Amino acid sequence: MFGCLHDEIAEAMPMLKPFIKWHLTSSDGPLHYIENTIFFAGDRDCWGGRKGEPRSFKFGVKGRNGKPVTDKDGKPLHWRSEEDAQTIAHQLGAEVVEVPVLFHEGKEREFDLARSAAVWPEATDKELSVSKEELTKALKKRLPKLMKEFRRDMEELGFIY
């Protein structure tokens, strides 16, 4: 078997249950401690955007009336190349503008995964919902104590730290 088998380990070897929280932790700290916690606690997708924010742009043309130049179906025209858009804009006496063509999907906040990534089971949703900067600061502040606990537990299990 592969993967995260916490429940199976706890059932088969109950004496290891207190140590399961250290899954993916080494003497360097929890794997991607800050990055994973921020990602799971946040509402941004893997490209860093919130739902509905523009993700990708092409070049369109805005006419003298301030409205986008459209095709016969009323859809704004756009070009991959700014140079191509400039050629059309020049012919029409119009202006080149960026037109969003793809939008971010965002994601739901995953507080339980954030707690696991931070090895912070008592963290509240509110504590995990602060800004990226505030959460980073809180995580860095608690890391030394967390690593002392990790060392204590590893030595209790008989490992040389």
N, C-alpha and C. Protein backbone atom coordinates (compact mmCIF):
# COMPACT_ATOMS: atom_id res chain seq x y z
N MET A 1 0.84 -1.19 0.00
CA MET A 1 0.00 0.00 0.00
C MET A 1 0.88 1.24 0.00
N PHE A 2 0.35 2.29 -0.59
CA PHE A 2 1.06 3.57 -0.62
C PHE A 2 0.12 4.66 -0.16
N GLY A 3 0.66 5.78 0.25
CA GLY A 3 -0.17 6.93 0.59
C GLY A 3 -0.24 7.19 2.07
N CYS A 4 -1.21 7.96 2.42
CA CYS A 4 -1.41 8.41 3.80
C CYS A 4 -2.31 7.39 4.51
N LEU A 5 -1.72 6.54 5.33
CA LEU A 5 -2.45 5.45 5.96
C LEU A 5 -2.58 5.65 7.47
N HIS A 6 -2.87 6.86 7.85
CA HIS A 6 -2.92 7.18 9.28
C HIS A 6 -3.89 6.30 10.05
N ASP A 7 -5.10 6.13 9.53
CA ASP A 7 -6.11 5.34 10.25
C ASP A 7 -5.67 3.88 10.37
N GLU A 8 -5.12 3.34 9.29
CA GLU A 8 -4.67 1.95 9.31
C GLU A 8 -3.52 1.74 10.30
N ILE A 9 -2.60 2.70 10.34
CA ILE A 9 -1.47 2.62 11.28
C ILE A 9 -1.98 2.69 12.72
N ALA A 10 -2.87 3.63 12.98
CA ALA A 10 -3.41 3.79 14.34
C ALA A 10 -4.15 2.53 14.79
N GLU A 11 -4.85 1.88 13.87
CA GLU A 11 -5.59 0.67 14.22
C GLU A 11 -4.63 -0.51 14.45
N ALA A 12 -3.64 -0.65 13.59
CA ALA A 12 -2.72 -1.78 13.69
C ALA A 12 -1.71 -1.62 14.82
N MET A 13 -1.30 -0.39 15.08
CA MET A 13 -0.28 -0.13 16.09
C MET A 13 -0.68 1.10 16.91
N PRO A 14 -1.63 0.96 17.82
CA PRO A 14 -2.15 2.11 18.57
C PRO A 14 -1.08 2.91 19.31
N MET A 15 0.04 2.24 19.65
CA MET A 15 1.09 2.96 20.38
C MET A 15 1.77 4.02 19.50
N LEU A 16 1.58 3.96 18.18
CA LEU A 16 2.18 4.95 17.27
C LEU A 16 1.25 6.14 16.99
N LYS A 17 0.01 6.05 17.43
CA LYS A 17 -0.96 7.10 17.13
C LYS A 17 -0.47 8.51 17.50
N PRO A 18 0.17 8.72 18.65
CA PRO A 18 0.62 10.08 18.98
C PRO A 18 1.70 10.63 18.04
N PHE A 19 2.31 9.74 17.27
CA PHE A 19 3.41 10.16 16.41
C PHE A 19 2.99 10.37 14.95
N ILE A 20 1.77 10.02 14.62
CA ILE A 20 1.28 10.14 13.24
C ILE A 20 1.31 11.59 12.77
N LYS A 21 1.13 12.50 13.69
CA LYS A 21 1.12 13.93 13.31
C LYS A 21 2.44 14.35 12.66
N TRP A 22 3.50 13.59 12.87
CA TRP A 22 4.82 13.94 12.33
C TRP A 22 5.04 13.41 10.92
N HIS A 23 4.01 12.82 10.32
CA HIS A 23 4.12 12.36 8.94
C HIS A 23 4.60 13.53 8.06
N LEU A 24 5.60 13.29 7.27
CA LEU A 24 6.23 14.28 6.37
C LEU A 24 7.02 15.37 7.11
N THR A 25 7.46 15.06 8.34
CA THR A 25 8.30 15.99 9.08
C THR A 25 9.69 15.36 9.21
N SER A 26 10.71 16.18 9.06
CA SER A 26 12.09 15.74 9.25
C SER A 26 12.76 16.72 10.20
N SER A 27 14.05 16.53 10.44
CA SER A 27 14.77 17.46 11.31
C SER A 27 14.85 18.86 10.69
N ASP A 28 14.49 18.99 9.42
CA ASP A 28 14.42 20.30 8.76
C ASP A 28 13.06 20.96 8.97
N GLY A 29 12.11 20.24 9.52
CA GLY A 29 10.76 20.77 9.73
C GLY A 29 9.75 20.02 8.89
N PRO A 30 8.46 20.36 9.04
CA PRO A 30 7.42 19.74 8.22
C PRO A 30 7.65 20.09 6.74
N LEU A 31 7.39 19.14 5.87
CA LEU A 31 7.60 19.33 4.43
C LEU A 31 6.78 20.52 3.93
N HIS A 32 7.47 21.48 3.33
CA HIS A 32 6.82 22.69 2.78
C HIS A 32 5.86 23.32 3.80
N TYR A 33 6.33 23.41 5.00
CA TYR A 33 5.56 23.86 6.17
C TYR A 33 4.74 25.11 5.89
N ILE A 34 5.37 26.17 5.48
CA ILE A 34 4.66 27.44 5.27
C ILE A 34 3.85 27.40 3.99
N GLU A 35 4.46 26.96 2.89
CA GLU A 35 3.79 26.97 1.59
C GLU A 35 2.52 26.13 1.59
N ASN A 36 2.61 24.91 2.11
CA ASN A 36 1.44 24.03 2.12
C ASN A 36 0.34 24.56 3.03
N THR A 37 0.73 25.06 4.20
CA THR A 37 -0.28 25.59 5.13
C THR A 37 -1.01 26.76 4.49
N ILE A 38 -0.27 27.68 3.89
CA ILE A 38 -0.88 28.85 3.24
C ILE A 38 -1.79 28.42 2.10
N PHE A 39 -1.33 27.47 1.29
CA PHE A 39 -2.15 27.02 0.16
C PHE A 39 -3.45 26.41 0.66
N PHE A 40 -3.37 25.48 1.58
CA PHE A 40 -4.58 24.80 2.05
C PHE A 40 -5.52 25.74 2.79
N ALA A 41 -4.98 26.68 3.56
CA ALA A 41 -5.82 27.62 4.31
C ALA A 41 -6.43 28.68 3.41
N GLY A 42 -5.86 28.88 2.24
CA GLY A 42 -6.29 29.96 1.37
C GLY A 42 -7.37 29.57 0.38
N ASP A 43 -7.82 30.59 -0.36
CA ASP A 43 -8.85 30.39 -1.38
C ASP A 43 -8.31 30.61 -2.79
N ARG A 44 -6.99 30.60 -2.93
CA ARG A 44 -6.37 30.79 -4.24
C ARG A 44 -6.05 29.44 -4.87
N ASP A 45 -6.22 29.35 -6.18
CA ASP A 45 -5.92 28.11 -6.88
C ASP A 45 -4.41 27.94 -7.05
N CYS A 46 -4.00 26.88 -7.71
CA CYS A 46 -2.56 26.59 -7.82
C CYS A 46 -1.82 27.62 -8.67
N TRP A 47 -2.52 28.49 -9.39
CA TRP A 47 -1.89 29.56 -10.15
C TRP A 47 -1.88 30.86 -9.36
N GLY A 48 -2.40 30.83 -8.13
CA GLY A 48 -2.35 31.99 -7.25
C GLY A 48 -3.52 32.95 -7.35
N GLY A 49 -4.58 32.57 -8.05
CA GLY A 49 -5.71 33.48 -8.22
C GLY A 49 -6.96 33.04 -7.50
N ARG A 50 -7.79 34.02 -7.20
CA ARG A 50 -9.11 33.76 -6.60
C ARG A 50 -10.13 33.57 -7.72
N LYS A 51 -11.22 32.92 -7.39
CA LYS A 51 -12.27 32.64 -8.36
C LYS A 51 -12.70 33.93 -9.07
N GLY A 52 -12.67 33.88 -10.40
CA GLY A 52 -13.12 35.01 -11.21
C GLY A 52 -12.05 36.00 -11.59
N GLU A 53 -10.88 35.95 -10.95
CA GLU A 53 -9.81 36.88 -11.33
C GLU A 53 -9.25 36.48 -12.69
N PRO A 54 -8.91 37.47 -13.54
CA PRO A 54 -8.34 37.13 -14.85
C PRO A 54 -7.02 36.39 -14.70
N ARG A 55 -6.84 35.37 -15.53
CA ARG A 55 -5.63 34.55 -15.48
C ARG A 55 -4.77 34.74 -16.72
N SER A 56 -5.41 34.94 -17.85
CA SER A 56 -4.67 35.06 -19.09
C SER A 56 -5.33 36.13 -19.96
N PHE A 57 -4.50 36.89 -20.65
CA PHE A 57 -4.98 37.98 -21.47
C PHE A 57 -4.53 37.81 -22.91
N LYS A 58 -5.32 38.36 -23.80
CA LYS A 58 -4.90 38.55 -25.19
C LYS A 58 -5.08 40.03 -25.46
N PHE A 59 -4.76 40.45 -26.66
CA PHE A 59 -4.84 41.87 -27.00
C PHE A 59 -6.09 42.13 -27.82
N GLY A 60 -6.88 43.09 -27.36
CA GLY A 60 -8.09 43.49 -28.06
C GLY A 60 -7.98 44.94 -28.50
N VAL A 61 -9.04 45.40 -29.13
CA VAL A 61 -9.06 46.77 -29.63
C VAL A 61 -10.31 47.46 -29.10
N LYS A 62 -10.09 48.66 -28.54
CA LYS A 62 -11.20 49.47 -28.04
C LYS A 62 -11.40 50.61 -29.04
N GLY A 63 -12.61 50.72 -29.55
CA GLY A 63 -12.92 51.74 -30.55
C GLY A 63 -13.00 53.14 -29.95
N ARG A 64 -13.22 54.11 -30.84
CA ARG A 64 -13.33 55.51 -30.41
C ARG A 64 -14.50 55.73 -29.45
N ASN A 65 -15.51 54.86 -29.56
CA ASN A 65 -16.68 54.97 -28.68
C ASN A 65 -16.42 54.39 -27.29
N GLY A 66 -15.19 53.87 -27.07
CA GLY A 66 -14.83 53.32 -25.77
C GLY A 66 -15.25 51.87 -25.58
N LYS A 67 -15.90 51.29 -26.59
CA LYS A 67 -16.36 49.89 -26.49
C LYS A 67 -15.42 48.99 -27.28
N PRO A 68 -15.34 47.72 -26.90
CA PRO A 68 -14.47 46.79 -27.63
C PRO A 68 -14.98 46.59 -29.06
N VAL A 69 -14.03 46.40 -29.98
CA VAL A 69 -14.38 46.04 -31.34
C VAL A 69 -14.77 44.57 -31.33
N THR A 70 -15.93 44.26 -31.91
CA THR A 70 -16.48 42.90 -31.83
C THR A 70 -16.63 42.28 -33.21
N ASP A 71 -16.82 40.97 -33.19
CA ASP A 71 -17.12 40.28 -34.45
C ASP A 71 -18.62 40.39 -34.72
N LYS A 72 -19.07 39.73 -35.78
CA LYS A 72 -20.49 39.84 -36.17
C LYS A 72 -21.43 39.29 -35.10
N ASP A 73 -20.91 38.42 -34.20
CA ASP A 73 -21.75 37.85 -33.13
C ASP A 73 -21.68 38.66 -31.84
N GLY A 74 -20.94 39.77 -31.88
CA GLY A 74 -20.84 40.63 -30.71
C GLY A 74 -19.76 40.23 -29.72
N LYS A 75 -18.92 39.26 -30.07
CA LYS A 75 -17.83 38.84 -29.18
C LYS A 75 -16.61 39.73 -29.44
N PRO A 76 -15.97 40.21 -28.36
CA PRO A 76 -14.79 41.06 -28.55
C PRO A 76 -13.69 40.34 -29.32
N LEU A 77 -13.14 41.01 -30.29
CA LEU A 77 -12.02 40.46 -31.05
C LEU A 77 -10.76 40.54 -30.21
N HIS A 78 -9.91 39.54 -30.34
CA HIS A 78 -8.63 39.60 -29.63
C HIS A 78 -7.58 38.85 -30.41
N TRP A 79 -6.33 39.23 -30.17
CA TRP A 79 -5.19 38.66 -30.85
C TRP A 79 -4.16 38.24 -29.83
N ARG A 80 -3.42 37.21 -30.18
CA ARG A 80 -2.35 36.72 -29.32
C ARG A 80 -1.18 37.71 -29.32
N SER A 81 -0.95 38.32 -30.45
CA SER A 81 0.17 39.23 -30.61
C SER A 81 -0.28 40.69 -30.49
N GLU A 82 0.44 41.45 -29.69
CA GLU A 82 0.14 42.88 -29.57
C GLU A 82 0.36 43.60 -30.90
N GLU A 83 1.35 43.11 -31.65
CA GLU A 83 1.64 43.72 -32.96
C GLU A 83 0.45 43.59 -33.90
N ASP A 84 -0.19 42.40 -33.93
CA ASP A 84 -1.36 42.22 -34.78
C ASP A 84 -2.50 43.14 -34.36
N ALA A 85 -2.70 43.26 -33.05
CA ALA A 85 -3.76 44.14 -32.54
C ALA A 85 -3.44 45.60 -32.89
N GLN A 86 -2.17 45.98 -32.82
CA GLN A 86 -1.77 47.36 -33.15
C GLN A 86 -2.06 47.68 -34.61
N THR A 87 -1.85 46.71 -35.49
CA THR A 87 -2.13 46.92 -36.92
C THR A 87 -3.60 47.25 -37.13
N ILE A 88 -4.48 46.48 -36.53
CA ILE A 88 -5.92 46.71 -36.67
C ILE A 88 -6.30 48.02 -36.00
N ALA A 89 -5.76 48.24 -34.81
CA ALA A 89 -6.09 49.47 -34.07
C ALA A 89 -5.71 50.70 -34.89
N HIS A 90 -4.56 50.65 -35.53
CA HIS A 90 -4.09 51.78 -36.34
C HIS A 90 -5.06 52.03 -37.51
N GLN A 91 -5.51 50.95 -38.15
CA GLN A 91 -6.43 51.08 -39.29
C GLN A 91 -7.77 51.68 -38.85
N LEU A 92 -8.19 51.37 -37.62
CA LEU A 92 -9.50 51.83 -37.13
C LEU A 92 -9.41 53.12 -36.32
N GLY A 93 -8.19 53.59 -36.08
CA GLY A 93 -8.05 54.74 -35.19
C GLY A 93 -8.48 54.39 -33.78
N ALA A 94 -8.13 53.17 -33.35
CA ALA A 94 -8.57 52.65 -32.06
C ALA A 94 -7.37 52.43 -31.14
N GLU A 95 -7.63 51.91 -29.96
CA GLU A 95 -6.62 51.71 -28.93
C GLU A 95 -6.53 50.23 -28.59
N VAL A 96 -5.30 49.73 -28.38
CA VAL A 96 -5.10 48.33 -27.97
C VAL A 96 -5.29 48.22 -26.46
N VAL A 97 -6.04 47.21 -26.06
CA VAL A 97 -6.27 46.95 -24.63
C VAL A 97 -6.08 45.45 -24.38
N GLU A 98 -5.79 45.11 -23.12
CA GLU A 98 -5.71 43.70 -22.75
C GLU A 98 -7.13 43.19 -22.51
N VAL A 99 -7.41 42.00 -23.03
CA VAL A 99 -8.72 41.38 -22.87
C VAL A 99 -8.53 40.07 -22.12
N PRO A 100 -9.16 39.91 -20.96
CA PRO A 100 -9.01 38.62 -20.25
C PRO A 100 -9.73 37.51 -21.03
N VAL A 101 -9.05 36.39 -21.17
CA VAL A 101 -9.64 35.26 -21.90
C VAL A 101 -9.75 34.00 -21.05
N LEU A 102 -8.99 33.93 -19.97
CA LEU A 102 -9.10 32.82 -19.01
C LEU A 102 -9.21 33.40 -17.62
N PHE A 103 -9.96 32.71 -16.77
CA PHE A 103 -10.17 33.20 -15.42
C PHE A 103 -9.80 32.13 -14.41
N HIS A 104 -9.32 32.58 -13.26
CA HIS A 104 -8.97 31.66 -12.18
C HIS A 104 -10.22 30.97 -11.63
N GLU A 105 -10.02 29.74 -11.18
CA GLU A 105 -11.11 28.98 -10.57
C GLU A 105 -11.15 29.14 -9.06
N GLY A 106 -10.04 29.60 -8.46
CA GLY A 106 -9.98 29.68 -7.01
C GLY A 106 -10.14 28.29 -6.41
N LYS A 107 -10.37 28.21 -5.13
CA LYS A 107 -10.63 26.93 -4.47
C LYS A 107 -11.24 27.20 -3.11
N GLU A 108 -11.84 26.17 -2.55
CA GLU A 108 -12.37 26.26 -1.19
C GLU A 108 -11.22 26.16 -0.20
N ARG A 109 -11.37 26.82 0.93
CA ARG A 109 -10.36 26.70 1.98
C ARG A 109 -10.44 25.29 2.58
N GLU A 110 -9.28 24.70 2.83
CA GLU A 110 -9.20 23.33 3.34
C GLU A 110 -8.49 23.37 4.70
N PHE A 111 -9.23 23.78 5.71
CA PHE A 111 -8.64 24.02 7.02
C PHE A 111 -8.05 22.76 7.66
N ASP A 112 -8.70 21.61 7.49
CA ASP A 112 -8.15 20.39 8.10
C ASP A 112 -6.80 20.03 7.48
N LEU A 113 -6.65 20.20 6.18
CA LEU A 113 -5.36 19.95 5.53
C LEU A 113 -4.32 20.98 5.97
N ALA A 114 -4.75 22.23 6.16
CA ALA A 114 -3.83 23.27 6.64
C ALA A 114 -3.34 22.92 8.05
N ARG A 115 -4.24 22.46 8.91
CA ARG A 115 -3.84 22.07 10.27
C ARG A 115 -2.83 20.93 10.23
N SER A 116 -3.06 19.98 9.34
CA SER A 116 -2.16 18.85 9.21
C SER A 116 -0.79 19.30 8.69
N ALA A 117 -0.77 20.14 7.66
CA ALA A 117 0.50 20.63 7.10
C ALA A 117 1.30 21.42 8.12
N ALA A 118 0.59 22.13 9.00
CA ALA A 118 1.25 22.96 10.02
C ALA A 118 1.52 22.19 11.31
N VAL A 119 1.05 20.94 11.39
CA VAL A 119 1.11 20.17 12.64
C VAL A 119 0.57 21.07 13.76
N TRP A 120 -0.63 21.59 13.53
CA TRP A 120 -1.26 22.57 14.42
C TRP A 120 -2.74 22.21 14.56
N PRO A 121 -3.04 21.07 15.20
CA PRO A 121 -4.42 20.59 15.25
C PRO A 121 -5.39 21.52 15.97
N GLU A 122 -4.86 22.35 16.87
CA GLU A 122 -5.75 23.24 17.63
C GLU A 122 -5.97 24.59 16.94
N ALA A 123 -5.37 24.81 15.78
CA ALA A 123 -5.55 26.09 15.07
C ALA A 123 -7.01 26.27 14.69
N THR A 124 -7.52 27.47 14.92
CA THR A 124 -8.90 27.76 14.55
C THR A 124 -8.98 28.20 13.09
N ASP A 125 -10.18 28.13 12.53
CA ASP A 125 -10.38 28.62 11.17
C ASP A 125 -9.98 30.09 11.08
N LYS A 126 -10.29 30.84 12.13
CA LYS A 126 -9.96 32.26 12.16
C LYS A 126 -8.45 32.48 12.11
N GLU A 127 -7.70 31.70 12.90
CA GLU A 127 -6.24 31.82 12.90
C GLU A 127 -5.64 31.49 11.54
N LEU A 128 -6.28 30.56 10.84
CA LEU A 128 -5.78 30.14 9.53
C LEU A 128 -6.27 31.04 8.39
N SER A 129 -7.22 31.93 8.67
CA SER A 129 -7.82 32.78 7.64
C SER A 129 -7.17 34.16 7.54
N VAL A 130 -6.15 34.40 8.30
CA VAL A 130 -5.48 35.71 8.26
C VAL A 130 -4.70 35.85 6.95
N SER A 131 -4.14 37.01 6.73
CA SER A 131 -3.38 37.25 5.50
C SER A 131 -2.19 36.30 5.41
N LYS A 132 -1.69 36.15 4.21
CA LYS A 132 -0.51 35.30 3.97
C LYS A 132 0.65 35.74 4.85
N GLU A 133 0.85 37.04 4.98
CA GLU A 133 1.96 37.58 5.77
C GLU A 133 1.78 37.26 7.26
N GLU A 134 0.56 37.44 7.76
CA GLU A 134 0.29 37.16 9.18
C GLU A 134 0.43 35.67 9.48
N LEU A 135 -0.08 34.83 8.58
CA LEU A 135 0.01 33.38 8.80
C LEU A 135 1.47 32.93 8.74
N THR A 136 2.23 33.47 7.80
CA THR A 136 3.66 33.14 7.71
C THR A 136 4.37 33.51 9.01
N LYS A 137 4.08 34.68 9.54
CA LYS A 137 4.70 35.13 10.79
C LYS A 137 4.33 34.19 11.95
N ALA A 138 3.05 33.82 12.04
CA ALA A 138 2.61 32.91 13.11
C ALA A 138 3.27 31.54 12.99
N LEU A 139 3.39 31.04 11.76
CA LEU A 139 4.01 29.73 11.55
C LEU A 139 5.49 29.76 11.92
N LYS A 140 6.19 30.81 11.52
CA LYS A 140 7.61 30.92 11.86
C LYS A 140 7.81 31.03 13.37
N LYS A 141 6.92 31.74 14.03
CA LYS A 141 7.02 31.93 15.48
C LYS A 141 6.87 30.61 16.24
N ARG A 142 5.97 29.74 15.76
CA ARG A 142 5.71 28.50 16.49
C ARG A 142 6.65 27.36 16.08
N LEU A 143 7.42 27.52 15.02
CA LEU A 143 8.26 26.43 14.53
C LEU A 143 9.32 25.95 15.53
N PRO A 144 10.06 26.82 16.22
CA PRO A 144 11.07 26.30 17.15
C PRO A 144 10.49 25.37 18.23
N LYS A 145 9.35 25.75 18.80
CA LYS A 145 8.71 24.90 19.81
C LYS A 145 8.25 23.58 19.19
N LEU A 146 7.70 23.67 17.99
CA LEU A 146 7.24 22.48 17.29
C LEU A 146 8.40 21.51 17.05
N MET A 147 9.55 22.04 16.67
CA MET A 147 10.71 21.19 16.40
C MET A 147 11.28 20.58 17.68
N LYS A 148 11.15 21.27 18.81
CA LYS A 148 11.55 20.67 20.09
C LYS A 148 10.66 19.48 20.41
N GLU A 149 9.35 19.63 20.15
CA GLU A 149 8.41 18.52 20.37
C GLU A 149 8.74 17.35 19.44
N PHE A 150 9.06 17.67 18.20
CA PHE A 150 9.41 16.63 17.23
C PHE A 150 10.65 15.86 17.71
N ARG A 151 11.66 16.59 18.12
CA ARG A 151 12.89 15.94 18.59
C ARG A 151 12.59 15.04 19.79
N ARG A 152 11.83 15.58 20.75
CA ARG A 152 11.48 14.78 21.94
C ARG A 152 10.78 13.48 21.53
N ASP A 153 9.81 13.58 20.61
CA ASP A 153 9.07 12.40 20.19
C ASP A 153 9.96 11.41 19.43
N MET A 154 10.84 11.91 18.59
CA MET A 154 11.73 11.02 17.83
C MET A 154 12.69 10.29 18.78
N GLU A 155 13.19 11.00 19.78
CA GLU A 155 14.09 10.37 20.76
C GLU A 155 13.32 9.36 21.61
N GLU A 156 12.06 9.67 21.90
CA GLU A 156 11.22 8.72 22.66
C GLU A 156 11.03 7.44 21.87
N LEU A 157 10.98 7.55 20.55
CA LEU A 157 10.82 6.37 19.70
C LEU A 157 12.16 5.62 19.53
N GLY A 158 13.25 6.19 20.04
CA GLY A 158 14.54 5.52 19.98
C GLY A 158 15.46 5.98 18.85
N PHE A 159 15.06 7.02 18.13
CA PHE A 159 15.92 7.54 17.07
C PHE A 159 16.99 8.45 17.66
N ILE A 160 18.14 8.47 17.00
CA ILE A 160 19.20 9.40 17.37
C ILE A 160 18.96 10.67 16.58
N TYR A 161 18.83 11.78 17.29
CA TYR A 161 18.51 13.05 16.63
C TYR A 161 19.76 13.86 16.43
